Amino acid sequence: MSSVLTITDSEFEGEVLQATQPVLAYFWAPWCGPCRLMAPIVDSLASGYGDQLKVVKLEVDPNPESVAKCGIEGVPAFRLFKSGEVIEATEGAISKQKLESLLGNHLG
């Protein structure tokens, strides 16, 4: 069973850009109501996709380098990386089905 890995700017390159499998990066903030709604969905996806997908989360305020690098303008935000490149991007709260559909286009 996979779980969500909390990372910081200093870990972003190694955990996301150099990862061998696709990585879903979840950008959030503790003051963001919609982020609290997305948290159980993100946890569920991390468990459901197991070894096919690495799921990381970054709090936006203490990690400005990663936020800038990924062009994050609002939270919650998601970036799907494959081979160090963003292949899907979305911002705002979305349904679990929509997030699964976004992932399904790129995972087995």
Protein backbone atom coordinates (compact mmCIF):
# COMPACT_ATOMS: atom_id res chain seq x y z
CA MET A 1 0.00 0.00 0.00
CA SER A 2 1.35 3.38 -0.98
CA SER A 3 0.87 6.56 0.98
CA VAL A 4 1.21 10.28 0.44
CA LEU A 5 4.74 11.58 0.98
CA THR A 6 5.07 15.11 2.39
CA ILE A 7 8.04 16.88 0.79
CA THR A 8 9.71 20.30 0.75
CA ASP A 9 11.52 22.44 -1.84
CA SER A 10 14.81 20.72 -1.02
CA GLU A 11 13.33 17.27 -1.79
CA PHE A 12 11.35 18.26 -4.89
CA GLU A 13 14.00 17.48 -7.49
CA GLY A 14 14.87 14.05 -6.10
CA GLU A 15 11.34 12.92 -5.23
CA VAL A 16 9.51 14.38 -8.25
CA LEU A 17 11.76 15.37 -11.14
CA GLN A 18 14.09 12.37 -10.85
CA ALA A 19 11.40 9.80 -10.00
CA THR A 20 11.28 6.67 -12.14
CA GLN A 21 7.47 6.38 -12.01
CA PRO A 22 4.77 9.01 -12.59
CA VAL A 23 4.34 11.44 -9.68
CA LEU A 24 1.19 13.29 -8.67
CA ALA A 25 2.20 16.45 -6.80
CA TYR A 26 -0.54 17.91 -4.63
CA PHE A 27 -0.07 21.55 -3.60
CA TRP A 28 -2.10 22.65 -0.59
CA ALA A 29 -2.35 25.09 2.32
CA PRO A 30 -3.67 24.61 5.87
CA TRP A 31 -5.86 27.74 5.55
CA CYS A 32 -7.53 26.39 2.37
CA GLY A 33 -11.00 24.88 2.89
CA PRO A 34 -11.12 23.05 -0.48
CA CYS A 35 -7.70 21.55 0.31
CA ARG A 36 -9.20 19.88 3.38
CA LEU A 37 -11.89 18.38 1.14
CA MET A 38 -9.27 17.03 -1.28
CA ALA A 39 -7.02 15.42 1.37
CA PRO A 40 -9.04 12.15 1.76
CA ILE A 41 -9.33 11.85 -2.04
CA VAL A 42 -5.55 12.23 -2.42
CA ASP A 43 -4.98 9.63 0.33
CA SER A 44 -7.39 7.24 -1.40
CA LEU A 45 -5.66 7.66 -4.79
CA ALA A 46 -2.25 7.03 -3.21
CA SER A 47 -3.56 3.75 -1.79
CA GLY A 48 -5.51 2.76 -4.89
CA TYR A 49 -2.74 3.27 -7.44
CA GLY A 50 -0.06 1.61 -5.30
CA ASP A 51 3.15 1.05 -7.24
CA GLN A 52 1.94 2.72 -10.47
CA LEU A 53 2.06 6.21 -8.99
CA LYS A 54 3.97 8.18 -6.38
CA VAL A 55 1.88 10.83 -4.61
CA VAL A 56 3.59 13.76 -2.90
CA LYS A 57 2.18 16.83 -1.21
CA LEU A 58 3.74 20.22 -0.68
CA GLU A 59 2.44 23.00 1.51
CA VAL A 60 2.62 26.12 -0.68
CA ASP A 61 3.66 28.81 1.82
CA PRO A 62 6.94 27.24 3.05
CA ASN A 63 7.90 25.90 -0.41
CA PRO A 64 7.93 28.90 -2.80
CA GLU A 65 10.56 27.43 -5.17
CA SER A 66 8.45 24.41 -6.11
CA VAL A 67 5.32 26.57 -6.33
CA ALA A 68 7.07 28.92 -8.78
CA LYS A 69 8.66 26.05 -10.76
CA CYS A 70 5.23 24.45 -11.27
CA GLY A 71 3.38 27.69 -11.98
CA ILE A 72 0.93 27.23 -9.10
CA GLU A 73 -1.54 30.11 -8.96
CA GLY A 74 -4.12 28.72 -6.54
CA VAL A 75 -4.71 25.80 -4.20
CA PRO A 76 -5.54 23.01 -4.21
CA ALA A 77 -3.44 22.30 -7.28
CA PHE A 78 -2.26 19.09 -8.91
CA ARG A 79 0.62 18.46 -11.29
CA LEU A 80 1.21 15.04 -12.82
CA PHE A 81 4.85 14.46 -13.71
CA LYS A 82 6.33 11.79 -15.95
CA SER A 83 10.09 11.69 -16.59
CA GLY A 84 10.47 15.07 -14.87
CA GLU A 85 7.91 16.85 -17.11
CA VAL A 86 4.42 18.08 -16.25
CA ILE A 87 1.98 16.07 -18.38
CA GLU A 88 -1.27 17.15 -16.67
CA ALA A 89 -2.16 20.14 -14.52
CA THR A 90 -5.30 21.26 -12.72
CA GLU A 91 -6.14 23.76 -10.01
CA GLY A 92 -9.14 23.92 -7.70
CA ALA A 93 -11.11 21.21 -5.95
CA ILE A 94 -12.20 18.46 -8.33
CA SER A 95 -14.10 15.21 -7.87
CA LYS A 96 -12.33 11.92 -7.26
CA GLN A 97 -13.73 10.69 -10.60
CA LYS A 98 -12.25 13.65 -12.48
CA LEU A 99 -8.86 13.19 -10.80
CA GLU A 100 -8.94 9.44 -11.58
CA SER A 101 -9.82 10.21 -15.19
CA LEU A 102 -6.89 12.64 -15.42
CA LEU A 103 -4.56 9.91 -14.07
CA GLY A 104 -6.15 7.16 -16.16
CA ASN A 105 -5.01 8.86 -19.35
CA HIS A 106 -1.39 8.25 -18.34
CA LEU A 107 -1.31 5.17 -16.10
CA GLY A 108 -1.63 1.54 -17.10
